[in-house]
C-alpha atoms as a PDB file:
ATOM      1  CA  MET A   1     116.423  -1.101  63.302  1.00  0.00           C
ATOM      2  CA  LYS A   2     113.572   1.150  62.290  1.00  0.00           C
ATOM      3  CA  HIS A   3     110.535   1.540  64.501  1.00  0.00           C
ATOM      4  CA  ALA A   4     107.064   1.942  63.043  1.00  0.00           C
ATOM      5  CA  THR A   5     105.462   5.248  63.855  1.00  0.00           C
ATOM      6  CA  ASN A   6     101.787   5.606  64.690  1.00  0.00           C
ATOM      7  CA  ALA A   7     101.195   6.854  61.133  1.00  0.00           C
ATOM      8  CA  GLN A   8     102.819   3.731  59.674  1.00  0.00           C
ATOM      9  CA  GLN A   9     100.632   1.482  61.815  1.00  0.00           C
ATOM     10  CA  GLU A  10      97.402   3.070  60.580  1.00  0.00           C
ATOM     11  CA  ASP A  11      95.377   1.754  57.671  1.00  0.00           C
ATOM     12  CA  PRO A  12      97.038   2.887  54.395  1.00  0.00           C
ATOM     13  CA  MET A  13      93.635   3.867  52.981  1.00  0.00           C
ATOM     14  CA  ASP A  14      93.061   6.221  55.910  1.00  0.00           C
ATOM     15  CA  LEU A  15      96.474   7.796  55.292  1.00  0.00           C
ATOM     16  CA  GLU A  16      95.689   8.199  51.583  1.00  0.00           C
ATOM     17  CA  LYS A  17      92.336   9.837  52.365  1.00  0.00           C
ATOM     18  CA  PHE A  18      94.081  12.130  54.845  1.00  0.00           C
ATOM     19  CA  ARG A  19      96.748  13.059  52.255  1.00  0.00           C
ATOM     20  CA  ILE A  20      94.099  13.829  49.645  1.00  0.00           C
ATOM     21  CA  GLN A  21      92.097  15.931  52.116  1.00  0.00           C
ATOM     22  CA  MET A  22      95.187  17.917  53.121  1.00  0.00           C
ATOM     23  CA  GLN A  23      96.118  18.552  49.478  1.00  0.00           C
ATOM     24  CA  ARG A  24      92.548  19.598  48.737  1.00  0.00           C
ATOM     25  CA  GLU A  25      92.575  22.075  51.617  1.00  0.00           C
ATOM     26  CA  MET A  26      95.930  23.502  50.477  1.00  0.00           C
ATOM     27  CA  ILE A  27      94.629  24.005  46.942  1.00  0.00           C
ATOM     28  CA  LEU A  28      91.412  25.636  48.156  1.00  0.00           C
ATOM     29  CA  GLN A  29      93.456  27.940  50.397  1.00  0.00           C
ATOM     30  CA  LYS A  30      95.682  28.948  47.460  1.00  0.00           C
ATOM     31  CA  LEU A  31      92.577  29.667  45.382  1.00  0.00           C
ATOM     32  CA  LYS A  32      91.158  31.867  48.139  1.00  0.00           C
ATOM     33  CA  GLU A  33      94.482  33.677  48.506  1.00  0.00           C
ATOM     34  CA  GLY A  34      94.546  34.208  44.730  1.00  0.00           C
ATOM     35  CA  GLY A  35      91.091  35.775  44.816  1.00  0.00           C
ATOM     36  CA  TYR A  36      89.391  32.887  43.009  1.00  0.00           C
ATOM     37  CA  ARG A  37      85.867  31.775  43.877  1.00  0.00           C
ATOM     38  CA  ILE A  38      85.414  28.271  45.210  1.00  0.00           C
ATOM     39  CA  THR A  39      82.646  26.745  43.104  1.00  0.00           C
ATOM     40  CA  LYS A  40      81.139  23.271  43.138  1.00  0.00           C
ATOM     41  CA  GLN A  41      82.492  22.714  39.620  1.00  0.00           C
ATOM     42  CA  ARG A  42      86.043  23.690  40.577  1.00  0.00           C
ATOM     43  CA  THR A  43      85.870  21.553  43.701  1.00  0.00           C
ATOM     44  CA  ALA A  44      84.676  18.572  41.639  1.00  0.00           C
ATOM     45  CA  VAL A  45      87.567  18.970  39.192  1.00  0.00           C
ATOM     46  CA  ILE A  46      90.077  19.229  42.053  1.00  0.00           C
ATOM     47  CA  ASP A  47      88.649  16.091  43.659  1.00  0.00           C
ATOM     48  CA  ILE A  48      88.876  14.140  40.385  1.00  0.00           C
ATOM     49  CA  ILE A  49      92.506  15.175  39.901  1.00  0.00           C
ATOM     50  CA  LEU A  50      93.458  14.269  43.463  1.00  0.00           C
ATOM     51  CA  GLU A  51      91.622  10.950  43.610  1.00  0.00           C
ATOM     52  CA  ASN A  52      92.494   9.543  40.168  1.00  0.00           C
ATOM     53  CA  ASP A  53      95.434   8.922  37.896  1.00  0.00           C
ATOM     54  CA  CYS A  54      94.789  11.735  35.464  1.00  0.00           C
ATOM     55  CA  GLY A  55      96.024  10.967  31.969  1.00  0.00           C
ATOM     56  CA  SER A  56      94.668  14.024  30.166  1.00  0.00           C
ATOM     57  CA  CYS A  57      92.261  16.927  30.397  1.00  0.00           C
ATOM     58  CA  LYS A  58      89.776  14.885  28.384  1.00  0.00           C
ATOM     59  CA  GLU A  59      89.936  12.086  30.942  1.00  0.00           C
ATOM     60  CA  ILE A  60      89.362  14.582  33.749  1.00  0.00           C
ATOM     61  CA  PHE A  61      86.349  15.887  31.808  1.00  0.00           C
ATOM     62  CA  TYR A  62      84.813  12.423  31.384  1.00  0.00           C
ATOM     63  CA  LYS A  63      85.314  11.505  35.041  1.00  0.00           C
ATOM     64  CA  THR A  64      83.953  14.840  36.220  1.00  0.00           C
ATOM     65  CA  ALA A  65      80.957  14.678  33.846  1.00  0.00           C
ATOM     66  CA  LYS A  66      79.948  11.353  35.426  1.00  0.00           C
ATOM     67  CA  ILE A  67      79.608  13.166  38.750  1.00  0.00           C
ATOM     68  CA  ASN A  68      78.147  16.450  37.485  1.00  0.00           C
ATOM     69  CA  LYS A  69      76.631  16.503  33.987  1.00  0.00           C
ATOM     70  CA  LYS A  70      76.437  20.321  34.036  1.00  0.00           C
ATOM     71  CA  ILE A  71      80.224  20.722  33.863  1.00  0.00           C
ATOM     72  CA  GLY A  72      81.429  21.519  30.351  1.00  0.00           C
ATOM     73  CA  ALA A  73      84.821  20.957  28.792  1.00  0.00           C
ATOM     74  CA  ALA A  74      85.576  24.691  28.912  1.00  0.00           C
ATOM     75  CA  THR A  75      85.100  24.667  32.688  1.00  0.00           C
ATOM     76  CA  ILE A  76      87.567  21.791  32.986  1.00  0.00           C
ATOM     77  CA  TYR A  77      90.203  23.531  30.860  1.00  0.00           C
ATOM     78  CA  ARG A  78      89.756  26.868  32.656  1.00  0.00           C
ATOM     79  CA  THR A  79      90.005  25.162  36.040  1.00  0.00           C
ATOM     80  CA  ILE A  80      93.140  23.260  35.024  1.00  0.00           C
ATOM     81  CA  ASN A  81      94.701  26.487  33.718  1.00  0.00           C
ATOM     82  CA  MET A  82      93.806  28.231  36.973  1.00  0.00           C
ATOM     83  CA  LEU A  83      95.296  25.398  39.055  1.00  0.00           C
ATOM     84  CA  GLU A  84      98.443  25.601  36.961  1.00  0.00           C
ATOM     85  CA  GLU A  85      98.625  29.389  37.464  1.00  0.00           C
ATOM     86  CA  ILE A  86      98.528  29.062  41.259  1.00  0.00           C
ATOM     87  CA  GLY A  87     101.131  26.302  41.165  1.00  0.00           C
ATOM     88  CA  ALA A  88      98.821  23.553  42.377  1.00  0.00           C
ATOM     89  CA  ILE A  89      99.478  21.325  39.365  1.00  0.00           C
ATOM     90  CA  ASN A  90     101.947  21.056  36.547  1.00  0.00           C
ATOM     91  CA  ARG A  91     100.262  20.015  33.320  1.00  0.00           C
ATOM     92  CA  ARG A  92     103.348  18.066  32.233  1.00  0.00           C
ATOM     93  CA  ASN A  93     102.945  15.899  35.316  1.00  0.00           C
ATOM     94  CA  LEU A  94      99.288  15.011  34.821  1.00  0.00           C
ATOM     95  CA  TYR A  95     100.538  11.735  33.413  1.00  0.00           C
ATOM     96  CA  LYS A  96     101.467   8.982  35.804  1.00  0.00           C
ATOM     97  CA  LEU A  97     105.088   8.009  35.339  1.00  0.00           C
ATOM     98  CA  SER A  98     104.890   4.325  36.092  1.00  0.00           C
ATOM     99  CA  ASP A  99     107.590   2.419  37.929  1.00  0.00           C
ATOM    100  CA  LEU A 100     110.725   4.188  36.734  1.00  0.00           C
ATOM    101  CA  THR A 101     112.999   1.517  38.145  1.00  0.00           C
ATOM    102  CA  GLU A 102     111.888  -1.019  35.552  1.00  0.00           C
ATOM    103  CA  ASN A 103     113.538  -1.216  32.172  1.00  0.00           C
ATOM    104  CA  GLY A 104     110.399  -0.160  30.350  1.00  0.00           C
ATOM    105  CA  GLY A 105     111.980   2.376  28.017  1.00  0.00           C
ATOM    106  CA  ASP A 106     110.565   5.315  29.960  1.00  0.00           C
ATOM    107  CA  MET A 107     112.439   8.542  29.383  1.00  0.00           C
ATOM    108  CA  VAL A 108     112.715  11.332  31.892  1.00  0.00           C
ATOM    109  CA  ILE A 109     113.262  14.771  30.400  1.00  0.00           C
ATOM    110  CA  ILE A 110     114.838  17.329  32.697  1.00  0.00           C
ATOM    111  CA  THR A 111     114.785  20.977  31.613  1.00  0.00           C
ATOM    112  CA  LEU A 112     117.521  23.194  33.023  1.00  0.00           C
ATOM    113  CA  GLU A 113     117.039  26.909  33.663  1.00  0.00           C
ATOM    114  CA  ASP A 114     119.064  27.778  30.539  1.00  0.00           C
ATOM    115  CA  GLY A 115     116.570  25.756  28.451  1.00  0.00           C
ATOM    116  CA  GLU A 116     118.856  22.768  27.888  1.00  0.00           C
ATOM    117  CA  GLU A 117     117.048  19.446  28.088  1.00  0.00           C
ATOM    118  CA  LEU A 118     118.578  16.282  29.462  1.00  0.00           C
ATOM    119  CA  GLN A 119     117.038  12.962  28.466  1.00  0.00           C
ATOM    120  CA  LEU A 120     117.632  10.135  30.905  1.00  0.00           C
ATOM    121  CA  THR A 121     116.549   6.533  30.632  1.00  0.00           C
ATOM    122  CA  SER A 122     114.630   5.123  33.573  1.00  0.00           C
ATOM    123  CA  GLU A 123     117.810   3.339  34.696  1.00  0.00           C
ATOM    124  CA  GLU A 124     119.836   6.579  34.598  1.00  0.00           C
ATOM    125  CA  TRP A 125     117.095   8.498  36.425  1.00  0.00           C
ATOM    126  CA  ASN A 126     116.882   5.821  39.099  1.00  0.00           C
ATOM    127  CA  GLU A 127     120.664   6.012  39.624  1.00  0.00           C
ATOM    128  CA  VAL A 128     120.522   9.810  39.958  1.00  0.00           C
ATOM    129  CA  LEU A 129     117.596   9.598  42.376  1.00  0.00           C
ATOM    130  CA  GLN A 130     119.180   6.797  44.421  1.00  0.00           C
ATOM    131  CA  THR A 131     122.497   8.670  44.707  1.00  0.00           C
ATOM    132  CA  GLY A 132     120.831  11.981  45.541  1.00  0.00           C
ATOM    133  CA  MET A 133     118.570  10.508  48.207  1.00  0.00           C
ATOM    134  CA  GLN A 134     121.527   8.722  49.807  1.00  0.00           C
ATOM    135  CA  ALA A 135     123.589  11.923  49.767  1.00  0.00           C
ATOM    136  CA  CYS A 136     120.736  13.822  51.443  1.00  0.00           C
ATOM    137  CA  GLY A 137     120.326  11.148  54.109  1.00  0.00           C
ATOM    138  CA  TYR A 138     116.926   9.831  53.016  1.00  0.00           C
ATOM    139  CA  LEU A 139     118.230   6.326  52.329  1.00  0.00           C
ATOM    140  CA  GLU A 140     120.553   4.166  54.380  1.00  0.00           C
ATOM    141  CA  GLY A 141     121.240   1.226  52.091  1.00  0.00           C
ATOM    142  CA  GLU A 142     117.627   0.800  50.929  1.00  0.00           C
ATOM    143  CA  LYS A 143     116.927   0.595  47.210  1.00  0.00           C
ATOM    144  CA  ILE A 144     114.197   2.593  45.526  1.00  0.00           C
ATOM    145  CA  VAL A 145     111.506   0.234  44.281  1.00  0.00           C
ATOM    146  CA  SER A 146     109.275   2.679  42.419  1.00  0.00           C
ATOM    147  CA  VAL A 147     108.655   6.330  41.739  1.00  0.00           C
ATOM    148  CA  VAL A 148     105.151   7.498  40.967  1.00  0.00           C
ATOM    149  CA  ASN A 149     104.379  11.017  39.860  1.00  0.00           C
ATOM    150  CA  GLY A 150     100.632  11.386  39.647  1.00  0.00           C
ATOM    151  CA  CYS A 151      98.801  14.660  39.492  1.00  0.00           C
ATOM    152  CA  ALA A 152     101.430  16.887  40.981  1.00  0.00           C
ATOM    153  CA  VAL A 153      99.921  18.988  43.706  1.00  0.00           C
ATOM    154  CA  GLY A 154     101.790  21.750  45.408  1.00  0.00           C
ATOM    155  CA  ALA A 155     104.758  23.586  44.057  1.00  0.00           C
END
């Protein structure tokens, strides 16, 4: 029988805010280490990416422009490129991959180091993930219900 930890007993919204804050601090630290300036515009873009399901650079621009009308599209694109350079985000993963365990026709494309691409259906991907997580000891009979890949932060 599993016991709830203190973190599991806390309000999920508090945990989400904490996760976002920690990711934000990690990104800002990587920027500092990379010699980049921390500007209000860059911070606003980072916050939008962390707090929202980011579908595209254009969507990030519109959401950021609502907060700060002085931010131009070029600033958004440069900031996203910079975040990609430091490994904070992966532009391919800006899109939310909805519940991969459903039979929704989602395809997962895996690129191997030799350049070969594997295309898996959501069912195949779920089987691979389920088997791998069991083999690594993360699951003990539980079934994966969903996999969400939002704005990937961290490398």
